[in-house]
């Protein structure tokens, strides 16, 4: 009789599979805690329309001078699709971080399709947020931005 795998075994197997699928350029890679916090920020930004999804939108936004935190999926194939994004981020002095899965990034960004990268903006491009919402988003944004910057600084 084949026993069913426990929930912990399944999640460990999924995590190992994600790590094997990572691109070699996926550095700085967010750890478990930072990954969770970053995806939570992406989820809140999506709710408040402070998010640019996809390579084309992110590149356009960076070239226009918008600042934010860039979150890139590490399991993109072919990697040529996203290799120019970190360079653009460095030139524009935008902190960027890789997360392990494009599916998780898409779920956090409120889309059904897997997403290569997203740019989390500190405030929406159109309209205004309430003071309360703006303050909550800003504190979380600042916290993630400093952690991502320190992670990148430790690498280089």
C-alpha atoms as a PDB file:
ATOM      1  CA  UNK A   1       0.000   0.000   0.000  1.00  0.00           C
ATOM      2  CA  UNK A   2       1.309   3.401  -0.929  1.00  0.00           C
ATOM      3  CA  UNK A   3       1.064   5.896   1.890  1.00  0.00           C
ATOM      4  CA  UNK A   4       0.174   9.483   1.171  1.00  0.00           C
ATOM      5  CA  UNK A   5       2.845  12.115   1.628  1.00  0.00           C
ATOM      6  CA  UNK A   6       2.433  14.516   4.469  1.00  0.00           C
ATOM      7  CA  UNK A   7       1.934  18.237   3.841  1.00  0.00           C
ATOM      8  CA  UNK A   8       5.489  19.003   5.020  1.00  0.00           C
ATOM      9  CA  UNK A   9       6.992  16.470   2.602  1.00  0.00           C
ATOM     10  CA  UNK A  10       5.008  17.928  -0.298  1.00  0.00           C
ATOM     11  CA  UNK A  11       6.071  21.497   0.469  1.00  0.00           C
ATOM     12  CA  UNK A  12       9.720  20.431   0.889  1.00  0.00           C
ATOM     13  CA  UNK A  13       9.594  18.628  -2.458  1.00  0.00           C
ATOM     14  CA  UNK A  14       8.031  21.674  -4.146  1.00  0.00           C
ATOM     15  CA  UNK A  15      10.679  23.944  -2.620  1.00  0.00           C
ATOM     16  CA  UNK A  16      13.494  21.661  -3.811  1.00  0.00           C
ATOM     17  CA  UNK A  17      11.978  21.562  -7.295  1.00  0.00           C
ATOM     18  CA  UNK A  18      11.828  25.397  -7.357  1.00  0.00           C
ATOM     19  CA  UNK A  19      15.460  25.675  -6.268  1.00  0.00           C
ATOM     20  CA  UNK A  20      16.570  23.285  -9.022  1.00  0.00           C
ATOM     21  CA  UNK A  21      14.722  25.359 -11.642  1.00  0.00           C
ATOM     22  CA  UNK A  22      16.460  28.599 -10.615  1.00  0.00           C
ATOM     23  CA  UNK A  23      18.443  30.503 -13.215  1.00  0.00           C
ATOM     24  CA  UNK A  24      22.176  30.914 -12.521  1.00  0.00           C
ATOM     25  CA  UNK A  25      21.825  34.709 -12.559  1.00  0.00           C
ATOM     26  CA  UNK A  26      19.206  34.739  -9.777  1.00  0.00           C
ATOM     27  CA  UNK A  27      21.228  36.750  -7.293  1.00  0.00           C
ATOM     28  CA  UNK A  28      20.367  38.361  -4.848  1.00  0.00           C
ATOM     29  CA  UNK A  29      17.855  35.613  -4.063  1.00  0.00           C
ATOM     30  CA  UNK A  30      15.414  36.362  -1.258  1.00  0.00           C
ATOM     31  CA  UNK A  31      15.409  33.940   1.649  1.00  0.00           C
ATOM     32  CA  UNK A  32      12.216  32.363   2.968  1.00  0.00           C
ATOM     33  CA  UNK A  33      11.345  35.230   5.305  1.00  0.00           C
ATOM     34  CA  UNK A  34      12.181  38.039   2.870  1.00  0.00           C
ATOM     35  CA  UNK A  35      10.392  36.176   0.078  1.00  0.00           C
ATOM     36  CA  UNK A  36       7.232  35.951   2.153  1.00  0.00           C
ATOM     37  CA  UNK A  37       7.411  39.627   3.106  1.00  0.00           C
ATOM     38  CA  UNK A  38       8.122  40.684  -0.496  1.00  0.00           C
ATOM     39  CA  UNK A  39       5.191  38.691  -1.884  1.00  0.00           C
ATOM     40  CA  UNK A  40       2.958  40.194   0.811  1.00  0.00           C
ATOM     41  CA  UNK A  41       4.055  43.666  -0.327  1.00  0.00           C
ATOM     42  CA  UNK A  42       3.328  42.726  -3.958  1.00  0.00           C
ATOM     43  CA  UNK A  43      -0.157  41.540  -2.920  1.00  0.00           C
ATOM     44  CA  UNK A  44      -0.905  44.832  -1.133  1.00  0.00           C
ATOM     45  CA  UNK A  45       0.506  46.866  -4.014  1.00  0.00           C
ATOM     46  CA  UNK A  46      -1.727  44.977  -6.456  1.00  0.00           C
ATOM     47  CA  UNK A  47      -4.772  45.799  -4.331  1.00  0.00           C
ATOM     48  CA  UNK A  48      -3.881  49.510  -4.343  1.00  0.00           C
ATOM     49  CA  UNK A  49      -2.881  49.631  -8.043  1.00  0.00           C
ATOM     50  CA  UNK A  50       0.775  50.397  -7.251  1.00  0.00           C
ATOM     51  CA  UNK A  51       2.155  47.564  -9.375  1.00  0.00           C
ATOM     52  CA  UNK A  52       3.648  47.199 -12.852  1.00  0.00           C
ATOM     53  CA  UNK A  53       3.501  43.614 -14.147  1.00  0.00           C
ATOM     54  CA  UNK A  54       5.594  41.976 -16.838  1.00  0.00           C
ATOM     55  CA  UNK A  55       8.939  42.740 -18.455  1.00  0.00           C
ATOM     56  CA  UNK A  56       7.591  45.231 -20.978  1.00  0.00           C
ATOM     57  CA  UNK A  57       5.692  47.324 -18.415  1.00  0.00           C
ATOM     58  CA  UNK A  58       8.534  47.211 -15.879  1.00  0.00           C
ATOM     59  CA  UNK A  59      11.172  48.289 -18.419  1.00  0.00           C
ATOM     60  CA  UNK A  60       8.943  51.107 -19.694  1.00  0.00           C
ATOM     61  CA  UNK A  61       8.328  52.302 -16.136  1.00  0.00           C
ATOM     62  CA  UNK A  62      12.040  52.228 -15.209  1.00  0.00           C
ATOM     63  CA  UNK A  63      12.987  54.137 -18.368  1.00  0.00           C
ATOM     64  CA  UNK A  64      10.387  56.791 -17.541  1.00  0.00           C
ATOM     65  CA  UNK A  65      12.099  57.342 -14.196  1.00  0.00           C
ATOM     66  CA  UNK A  66       9.644  55.670 -11.820  1.00  0.00           C
ATOM     67  CA  UNK A  67      11.228  54.405  -8.618  1.00  0.00           C
ATOM     68  CA  UNK A  68      10.242  51.287  -6.717  1.00  0.00           C
ATOM     69  CA  UNK A  69      11.301  47.775  -5.776  1.00  0.00           C
ATOM     70  CA  UNK A  70      11.718  45.298  -8.615  1.00  0.00           C
ATOM     71  CA  UNK A  71      10.832  41.677  -7.864  1.00  0.00           C
ATOM     72  CA  UNK A  72      12.041  39.162 -10.463  1.00  0.00           C
ATOM     73  CA  UNK A  73      11.158  35.466 -10.696  1.00  0.00           C
ATOM     74  CA  UNK A  74      14.193  33.192 -10.642  1.00  0.00           C
ATOM     75  CA  UNK A  75      12.758  30.265 -12.591  1.00  0.00           C
ATOM     76  CA  UNK A  76      12.296  31.954 -15.970  1.00  0.00           C
ATOM     77  CA  UNK A  77      13.280  30.066 -19.111  1.00  0.00           C
ATOM     78  CA  UNK A  78      14.867  31.223 -21.339  1.00  0.00           C
ATOM     79  CA  UNK A  79      16.699  33.600 -19.008  1.00  0.00           C
ATOM     80  CA  UNK A  80      17.422  35.960 -21.904  1.00  0.00           C
ATOM     81  CA  UNK A  81      13.922  37.339 -21.352  1.00  0.00           C
ATOM     82  CA  UNK A  82      14.923  39.019 -18.067  1.00  0.00           C
ATOM     83  CA  UNK A  83      18.729  39.401 -18.194  1.00  0.00           C
ATOM     84  CA  UNK A  84      18.531  43.117 -19.025  1.00  0.00           C
ATOM     85  CA  UNK A  85      16.175  44.012 -16.167  1.00  0.00           C
ATOM     86  CA  UNK A  86      18.763  43.892 -13.313  1.00  0.00           C
ATOM     87  CA  UNK A  87      21.106  46.101 -15.342  1.00  0.00           C
ATOM     88  CA  UNK A  88      18.370  48.690 -15.875  1.00  0.00           C
ATOM     89  CA  UNK A  89      17.564  48.546 -12.155  1.00  0.00           C
ATOM     90  CA  UNK A  90      21.201  49.112 -11.181  1.00  0.00           C
ATOM     91  CA  UNK A  91      21.537  52.062 -13.568  1.00  0.00           C
ATOM     92  CA  UNK A  92      18.361  53.631 -12.165  1.00  0.00           C
ATOM     93  CA  UNK A  93      19.421  52.780  -8.567  1.00  0.00           C
ATOM     94  CA  UNK A  94      16.303  50.669  -8.026  1.00  0.00           C
ATOM     95  CA  UNK A  95      16.641  47.799  -5.533  1.00  0.00           C
ATOM     96  CA  UNK A  96      15.811  44.404  -7.043  1.00  0.00           C
ATOM     97  CA  UNK A  97      15.482  40.891  -5.671  1.00  0.00           C
ATOM     98  CA  UNK A  98      14.764  37.445  -7.071  1.00  0.00           C
ATOM     99  CA  UNK A  99      12.085  35.137  -5.705  1.00  0.00           C
ATOM    100  CA  UNK A 100      12.053  31.409  -6.439  1.00  0.00           C
ATOM    101  CA  UNK A 101       8.802  31.020  -8.368  1.00  0.00           C
ATOM    102  CA  UNK A 102       7.031  32.939 -11.148  1.00  0.00           C
ATOM    103  CA  UNK A 103       3.772  31.251 -10.150  1.00  0.00           C
ATOM    104  CA  UNK A 104       3.999  32.595  -6.580  1.00  0.00           C
ATOM    105  CA  UNK A 105       4.806  36.043  -7.966  1.00  0.00           C
ATOM    106  CA  UNK A 106       1.737  35.905 -10.222  1.00  0.00           C
ATOM    107  CA  UNK A 107      -0.519  34.806  -7.353  1.00  0.00           C
ATOM    108  CA  UNK A 108       0.734  37.676  -5.213  1.00  0.00           C
ATOM    109  CA  UNK A 109       0.280  40.093  -8.118  1.00  0.00           C
ATOM    110  CA  UNK A 110      -3.351  39.038  -8.601  1.00  0.00           C
ATOM    111  CA  UNK A 111      -2.917  37.551 -12.085  1.00  0.00           C
ATOM    112  CA  UNK A 112      -3.604  34.062 -13.333  1.00  0.00           C
ATOM    113  CA  UNK A 113      -0.637  33.933 -15.739  1.00  0.00           C
ATOM    114  CA  UNK A 114       2.900  33.375 -14.391  1.00  0.00           C
ATOM    115  CA  UNK A 115       4.749  36.700 -14.197  1.00  0.00           C
ATOM    116  CA  UNK A 116       8.462  37.268 -14.911  1.00  0.00           C
ATOM    117  CA  UNK A 117       8.856  40.446 -12.917  1.00  0.00           C
ATOM    118  CA  UNK A 118       6.935  43.197 -11.162  1.00  0.00           C
ATOM    119  CA  UNK A 119       7.801  46.720 -10.088  1.00  0.00           C
ATOM    120  CA  UNK A 120       6.258  47.799  -6.790  1.00  0.00           C
ATOM    121  CA  UNK A 121       5.721  51.561  -6.798  1.00  0.00           C
ATOM    122  CA  UNK A 122       5.575  53.546  -3.532  1.00  0.00           C
ATOM    123  CA  UNK A 123       2.358  55.282  -4.654  1.00  0.00           C
ATOM    124  CA  UNK A 124      -0.168  54.715  -7.449  1.00  0.00           C
ATOM    125  CA  UNK A 125       0.500  56.293 -10.838  1.00  0.00           C
ATOM    126  CA  UNK A 126      -3.106  57.494 -11.144  1.00  0.00           C
ATOM    127  CA  UNK A 127      -5.306  58.726  -8.337  1.00  0.00           C
ATOM    128  CA  UNK A 128      -4.584  58.893  -4.644  1.00  0.00           C
ATOM    129  CA  UNK A 129      -4.764  56.493  -1.720  1.00  0.00           C
ATOM    130  CA  UNK A 130      -6.326  57.196   1.618  1.00  0.00           C
ATOM    131  CA  UNK A 131      -3.883  58.450   4.260  1.00  0.00           C
ATOM    132  CA  UNK A 132      -4.225  55.235   6.265  1.00  0.00           C
ATOM    133  CA  UNK A 133      -3.643  52.933   3.279  1.00  0.00           C
ATOM    134  CA  UNK A 134      -0.777  55.100   2.022  1.00  0.00           C
ATOM    135  CA  UNK A 135       0.951  54.947   5.418  1.00  0.00           C
ATOM    136  CA  UNK A 136       0.616  51.143   5.717  1.00  0.00           C
ATOM    137  CA  UNK A 137       1.905  50.575   2.185  1.00  0.00           C
ATOM    138  CA  UNK A 138       4.762  53.048   2.676  1.00  0.00           C
ATOM    139  CA  UNK A 139       6.017  51.410   5.894  1.00  0.00           C
ATOM    140  CA  UNK A 140       5.942  47.934   4.376  1.00  0.00           C
ATOM    141  CA  UNK A 141       7.539  49.229   1.163  1.00  0.00           C
ATOM    142  CA  UNK A 142      10.354  50.948   3.098  1.00  0.00           C
ATOM    143  CA  UNK A 143      10.988  47.839   5.191  1.00  0.00           C
ATOM    144  CA  UNK A 144      11.273  45.555   2.147  1.00  0.00           C
ATOM    145  CA  UNK A 145      13.332  48.128   0.206  1.00  0.00           C
ATOM    146  CA  UNK A 146      15.928  48.414   2.989  1.00  0.00           C
ATOM    147  CA  UNK A 147      16.154  44.619   3.390  1.00  0.00           C
ATOM    148  CA  UNK A 148      16.578  44.146  -0.370  1.00  0.00           C
ATOM    149  CA  UNK A 149      19.223  46.885  -0.513  1.00  0.00           C
ATOM    150  CA  UNK A 150      21.165  45.361   2.375  1.00  0.00           C
ATOM    151  CA  UNK A 151      20.948  41.916   0.758  1.00  0.00           C
ATOM    152  CA  UNK A 152      22.315  43.304  -2.504  1.00  0.00           C
ATOM    153  CA  UNK A 153      25.057  45.217  -0.671  1.00  0.00           C
ATOM    154  CA  UNK A 154      26.198  42.041   1.093  1.00  0.00           C
ATOM    155  CA  UNK A 155      26.538  40.333  -2.290  1.00  0.00           C
ATOM    156  CA  UNK A 156      28.615  42.929  -4.101  1.00  0.00           C
END
